[in-house]
Amino acid sequence: MQGTVSYLEIAPEKGAPVQRVDAVRAVPGLGLEGDRYFTIASGSSGGEHADDDEVTLIETENIEEFNREYGTTYHPADMRRNIATRGIRLNDLAGREFRIGDVRFRGHGLCEPCKTLAKLTTPDVLQGLLHKAGLRAQVLTEGTIRVGDVIEAVGGMHDA
């Protein structure tokens, strides 16, 4: 099971437009440097942080399928996930460790579409991307991830 990173995006604060980047540093307990959840985890924003808030991923293929089915033209950035992938089924990584480049992650669970995403895009995402809107993950090792990095499952199954 292998795929690649097709886009990397961070948003410096809640509601801010996402910024596309070519590379980003991942830090255990914090997430992706420059992203809003990194700021929350570092304590500088005063918000609450959970391990599964560190990184979100979405399959580019699911966005493309949604666009075909609903006649839309959404880009991965419109879905407000940190990492858009190609060639790997993210649902299969829930409860498992995986690697992006040299950085290890643990998939916590599905990142289902929410009312906020529906307001920013279309209410159709609530049904059209149900169980297809991505994966929440925790950073296990520090390192830099880049567009084009290989994504692959490692190890056995873990409790999510």
C-alpha atoms as a PDB file:
ATOM      1  CA  MET A   1       0.000   0.000   0.000  1.00  0.00           C
ATOM      2  CA  GLN A   2       1.755   3.140  -1.246  1.00  0.00           C
ATOM      3  CA  GLY A   3       0.841   6.636  -2.405  1.00  0.00           C
ATOM      4  CA  THR A   4       2.311  10.121  -2.678  1.00  0.00           C
ATOM      5  CA  VAL A   5       1.772  13.605  -1.294  1.00  0.00           C
ATOM      6  CA  SER A   6       0.127  15.731  -3.990  1.00  0.00           C
ATOM      7  CA  TYR A   7      -0.414  18.971  -1.992  1.00  0.00           C
ATOM      8  CA  LEU A   8       0.587  20.384   1.391  1.00  0.00           C
ATOM      9  CA  GLU A   9      -1.493  23.125   2.996  1.00  0.00           C
ATOM     10  CA  ILE A  10      -1.480  24.959   6.305  1.00  0.00           C
ATOM     11  CA  ALA A  11      -3.758  27.622   7.756  1.00  0.00           C
ATOM     12  CA  PRO A  12      -2.108  29.906  10.336  1.00  0.00           C
ATOM     13  CA  GLU A  13      -5.352  30.459  12.258  1.00  0.00           C
ATOM     14  CA  LYS A  14      -8.930  29.242  12.374  1.00  0.00           C
ATOM     15  CA  GLY A  15     -10.868  30.457   9.347  1.00  0.00           C
ATOM     16  CA  ALA A  16      -7.759  31.802   7.596  1.00  0.00           C
ATOM     17  CA  PRO A  17      -7.223  30.847   3.961  1.00  0.00           C
ATOM     18  CA  VAL A  18      -4.985  27.807   3.537  1.00  0.00           C
ATOM     19  CA  GLN A  19      -1.471  28.400   2.265  1.00  0.00           C
ATOM     20  CA  ARG A  20       0.015  25.906  -0.162  1.00  0.00           C
ATOM     21  CA  VAL A  21       3.595  24.927   0.717  1.00  0.00           C
ATOM     22  CA  ASP A  22       6.156  22.628  -0.898  1.00  0.00           C
ATOM     23  CA  ALA A  23       7.533  21.370   2.418  1.00  0.00           C
ATOM     24  CA  VAL A  24       6.588  21.580   6.099  1.00  0.00           C
ATOM     25  CA  ARG A  25       8.151  20.438   9.372  1.00  0.00           C
ATOM     26  CA  ALA A  26       6.135  17.932  11.407  1.00  0.00           C
ATOM     27  CA  VAL A  27       6.670  17.897  15.192  1.00  0.00           C
ATOM     28  CA  PRO A  28       5.276  15.294  17.634  1.00  0.00           C
ATOM     29  CA  GLY A  29       2.736  16.796  20.013  1.00  0.00           C
ATOM     30  CA  LEU A  30       2.404  19.937  17.874  1.00  0.00           C
ATOM     31  CA  GLY A  31       1.579  19.001  14.268  1.00  0.00           C
ATOM     32  CA  LEU A  32       2.729  20.946  11.223  1.00  0.00           C
ATOM     33  CA  GLU A  33       4.770  24.089  11.775  1.00  0.00           C
ATOM     34  CA  GLY A  34       2.797  27.171  10.777  1.00  0.00           C
ATOM     35  CA  ASP A  35      -0.601  25.469  11.005  1.00  0.00           C
ATOM     36  CA  ARG A  36      -3.321  26.611  13.413  1.00  0.00           C
ATOM     37  CA  TYR A  37      -3.218  23.354  15.403  1.00  0.00           C
ATOM     38  CA  PHE A  38       0.546  23.760  15.894  1.00  0.00           C
ATOM     39  CA  THR A  39      -0.170  27.170  17.439  1.00  0.00           C
ATOM     40  CA  ILE A  40      -2.868  25.701  19.689  1.00  0.00           C
ATOM     41  CA  ALA A  41      -0.622  22.830  20.797  1.00  0.00           C
ATOM     42  CA  SER A  42       2.287  25.151  21.561  1.00  0.00           C
ATOM     43  CA  GLY A  43      -0.009  27.037  23.941  1.00  0.00           C
ATOM     44  CA  SER A  44       0.327  30.394  22.208  1.00  0.00           C
ATOM     45  CA  SER A  45      -3.353  30.553  21.217  1.00  0.00           C
ATOM     46  CA  GLY A  46      -4.897  29.306  24.456  1.00  0.00           C
ATOM     47  CA  GLY A  47      -7.039  26.689  22.679  1.00  0.00           C
ATOM     48  CA  GLU A  48      -7.335  22.986  23.419  1.00  0.00           C
ATOM     49  CA  HIS A  49      -5.406  20.411  21.401  1.00  0.00           C
ATOM     50  CA  ALA A  50      -5.781  16.676  20.924  1.00  0.00           C
ATOM     51  CA  ASP A  51      -3.370  14.223  19.276  1.00  0.00           C
ATOM     52  CA  ASP A  52      -5.770  13.647  16.402  1.00  0.00           C
ATOM     53  CA  ASP A  53      -5.812  17.394  15.646  1.00  0.00           C
ATOM     54  CA  GLU A  54      -2.167  17.373  14.595  1.00  0.00           C
ATOM     55  CA  VAL A  55      -2.588  16.531  10.884  1.00  0.00           C
ATOM     56  CA  THR A  56      -5.464  15.918   8.478  1.00  0.00           C
ATOM     57  CA  LEU A  57      -5.202  14.164   5.121  1.00  0.00           C
ATOM     58  CA  ILE A  58      -7.557  13.677   2.165  1.00  0.00           C
ATOM     59  CA  GLU A  59      -7.407  11.608  -1.026  1.00  0.00           C
ATOM     60  CA  THR A  60      -7.224  13.721  -4.184  1.00  0.00           C
ATOM     61  CA  GLU A  61      -9.153  10.946  -5.949  1.00  0.00           C
ATOM     62  CA  ASN A  62     -12.123  11.420  -3.588  1.00  0.00           C
ATOM     63  CA  ILE A  63     -12.255  15.152  -4.378  1.00  0.00           C
ATOM     64  CA  GLU A  64     -12.122  14.397  -8.104  1.00  0.00           C
ATOM     65  CA  GLU A  65     -14.897  11.804  -7.751  1.00  0.00           C
ATOM     66  CA  PHE A  66     -17.013  14.291  -5.778  1.00  0.00           C
ATOM     67  CA  ASN A  67     -16.470  16.935  -8.486  1.00  0.00           C
ATOM     68  CA  ARG A  68     -17.610  14.519 -11.221  1.00  0.00           C
ATOM     69  CA  GLU A  69     -20.651  13.363  -9.267  1.00  0.00           C
ATOM     70  CA  TYR A  70     -21.825  16.823  -8.161  1.00  0.00           C
ATOM     71  CA  GLY A  71     -20.641  18.927 -11.118  1.00  0.00           C
ATOM     72  CA  THR A  72     -18.274  21.008  -8.961  1.00  0.00           C
ATOM     73  CA  THR A  73     -14.645  22.077  -9.378  1.00  0.00           C
ATOM     74  CA  TYR A  74     -13.226  21.933  -5.848  1.00  0.00           C
ATOM     75  CA  HIS A  75      -9.480  21.849  -5.299  1.00  0.00           C
ATOM     76  CA  PRO A  76      -7.840  19.991  -2.384  1.00  0.00           C
ATOM     77  CA  ALA A  77      -7.281  23.360  -0.642  1.00  0.00           C
ATOM     78  CA  ASP A  78     -11.064  23.877  -0.551  1.00  0.00           C
ATOM     79  CA  MET A  79     -11.372  20.844   1.734  1.00  0.00           C
ATOM     80  CA  ARG A  80      -9.061  22.442   4.356  1.00  0.00           C
ATOM     81  CA  ARG A  81      -6.960  19.341   4.983  1.00  0.00           C
ATOM     82  CA  ASN A  82      -3.190  19.585   5.508  1.00  0.00           C
ATOM     83  CA  ILE A  83      -2.095  16.836   3.158  1.00  0.00           C
ATOM     84  CA  ALA A  84      -3.725  15.772  -0.097  1.00  0.00           C
ATOM     85  CA  THR A  85      -2.648  12.329  -1.258  1.00  0.00           C
ATOM     86  CA  ARG A  86      -2.768  10.271  -4.413  1.00  0.00           C
ATOM     87  CA  GLY A  87      -2.683   6.494  -4.811  1.00  0.00           C
ATOM     88  CA  ILE A  88      -3.389   5.353  -1.243  1.00  0.00           C
ATOM     89  CA  ARG A  89      -6.646   4.582   0.576  1.00  0.00           C
ATOM     90  CA  LEU A  90      -6.504   6.674   3.724  1.00  0.00           C
ATOM     91  CA  ASN A  91      -9.383   4.818   5.411  1.00  0.00           C
ATOM     92  CA  ASP A  92      -7.075   1.772   5.489  1.00  0.00           C
ATOM     93  CA  LEU A  93      -4.612   3.777   7.622  1.00  0.00           C
ATOM     94  CA  ALA A  94      -7.070   4.424  10.468  1.00  0.00           C
ATOM     95  CA  GLY A  95      -5.614   2.729  13.538  1.00  0.00           C
ATOM     96  CA  ARG A  96      -2.260   2.118  11.819  1.00  0.00           C
ATOM     97  CA  GLU A  97       1.151   3.679  11.718  1.00  0.00           C
ATOM     98  CA  PHE A  98       2.314   5.040   8.393  1.00  0.00           C
ATOM     99  CA  ARG A  99       5.204   6.996   6.992  1.00  0.00           C
ATOM    100  CA  ILE A 100       5.362  10.072   4.798  1.00  0.00           C
ATOM    101  CA  GLY A 101       8.949  10.364   3.617  1.00  0.00           C
ATOM    102  CA  ASP A 102      10.951   9.802   6.816  1.00  0.00           C
ATOM    103  CA  VAL A 103       8.222  11.032   9.192  1.00  0.00           C
ATOM    104  CA  ARG A 104       6.030   8.523  11.048  1.00  0.00           C
ATOM    105  CA  PHE A 105       2.366   9.101  11.855  1.00  0.00           C
ATOM    106  CA  ARG A 106      -0.494   7.200  13.480  1.00  0.00           C
ATOM    107  CA  GLY A 107      -3.900   7.342  11.828  1.00  0.00           C
ATOM    108  CA  HIS A 108      -6.488   8.047  14.524  1.00  0.00           C
ATOM    109  CA  GLY A 109      -9.718   7.931  12.572  1.00  0.00           C
ATOM    110  CA  LEU A 110     -11.723   9.347   9.752  1.00  0.00           C
ATOM    111  CA  CYS A 111     -11.982  13.109   9.319  1.00  0.00           C
ATOM    112  CA  GLU A 112     -15.628  13.343   8.346  1.00  0.00           C
ATOM    113  CA  PRO A 113     -17.111  16.388   6.574  1.00  0.00           C
ATOM    114  CA  CYS A 114     -18.554  18.948   8.989  1.00  0.00           C
ATOM    115  CA  LYS A 115     -21.009  21.841   8.898  1.00  0.00           C
ATOM    116  CA  THR A 116     -18.157  24.334   8.599  1.00  0.00           C
ATOM    117  CA  LEU A 117     -16.870  22.592   5.464  1.00  0.00           C
ATOM    118  CA  ALA A 118     -20.434  22.496   4.100  1.00  0.00           C
ATOM    119  CA  LYS A 119     -20.745  26.275   4.626  1.00  0.00           C
ATOM    120  CA  LEU A 120     -17.409  26.913   2.891  1.00  0.00           C
ATOM    121  CA  THR A 121     -18.187  24.636  -0.058  1.00  0.00           C
ATOM    122  CA  THR A 122     -21.629  23.050  -0.522  1.00  0.00           C
ATOM    123  CA  PRO A 123     -24.010  21.146   1.761  1.00  0.00           C
ATOM    124  CA  ASP A 124     -23.534  18.227  -0.651  1.00  0.00           C
ATOM    125  CA  VAL A 125     -20.164  17.451   0.995  1.00  0.00           C
ATOM    126  CA  LEU A 126     -21.947  16.130   4.078  1.00  0.00           C
ATOM    127  CA  GLN A 127     -23.289  13.176   2.084  1.00  0.00           C
ATOM    128  CA  GLY A 128     -20.966  13.143  -0.932  1.00  0.00           C
ATOM    129  CA  LEU A 129     -17.774  12.925   1.136  1.00  0.00           C
ATOM    130  CA  LEU A 130     -19.145  10.847   4.014  1.00  0.00           C
ATOM    131  CA  HIS A 131     -16.370   8.364   4.934  1.00  0.00           C
ATOM    132  CA  LYS A 132     -14.264   9.934   2.125  1.00  0.00           C
ATOM    133  CA  ALA A 133     -13.249  13.293   3.619  1.00  0.00           C
ATOM    134  CA  GLY A 134      -9.938  12.154   5.020  1.00  0.00           C
ATOM    135  CA  LEU A 135      -7.984  10.925   7.998  1.00  0.00           C
ATOM    136  CA  ARG A 136      -6.879  12.506  11.283  1.00  0.00           C
ATOM    137  CA  ALA A 137      -3.344  11.641  12.303  1.00  0.00           C
ATOM    138  CA  GLN A 138      -0.803  12.135  15.060  1.00  0.00           C
ATOM    139  CA  VAL A 139       2.857  12.966  14.342  1.00  0.00           C
ATOM    140  CA  LEU A 140       5.143  10.328  15.918  1.00  0.00           C
ATOM    141  CA  THR A 141       8.573  11.505  14.721  1.00  0.00           C
ATOM    142  CA  GLU A 142       9.932  14.908  13.766  1.00  0.00           C
ATOM    143  CA  GLY A 143      10.966  15.696  10.223  1.00  0.00           C
ATOM    144  CA  THR A 144      10.135  17.503   7.028  1.00  0.00           C
ATOM    145  CA  ILE A 145       7.499  16.253   4.616  1.00  0.00           C
ATOM    146  CA  ARG A 146       7.456  17.391   1.005  1.00  0.00           C
ATOM    147  CA  VAL A 147       5.171  17.307  -2.006  1.00  0.00           C
ATOM    148  CA  GLY A 148       5.989  14.088  -3.859  1.00  0.00           C
ATOM    149  CA  ASP A 149       7.012  12.134  -0.728  1.00  0.00           C
ATOM    150  CA  VAL A 150       5.974   8.495  -0.634  1.00  0.00           C
ATOM    151  CA  ILE A 151       3.245   7.481   1.839  1.00  0.00           C
ATOM    152  CA  GLU A 152       3.173   3.888   3.054  1.00  0.00           C
ATOM    153  CA  ALA A 153       1.787   1.849   5.917  1.00  0.00           C
ATOM    154  CA  VAL A 154       4.283   0.435   8.411  1.00  0.00           C
ATOM    155  CA  GLY A 155       3.953  -2.074  11.227  1.00  0.00           C
ATOM    156  CA  GLY A 156       0.753  -3.762  12.312  1.00  0.00           C
ATOM    157  CA  MET A 157      -2.655  -2.661  13.483  1.00  0.00           C
ATOM    158  CA  HIS A 158      -3.005  -0.384  16.517  1.00  0.00           C
ATOM    159  CA  ASP A 159      -5.988   0.798  18.498  1.00  0.00           C
ATOM    160  CA  ALA A 160      -7.136   4.167  17.214  1.00  0.00           C
END
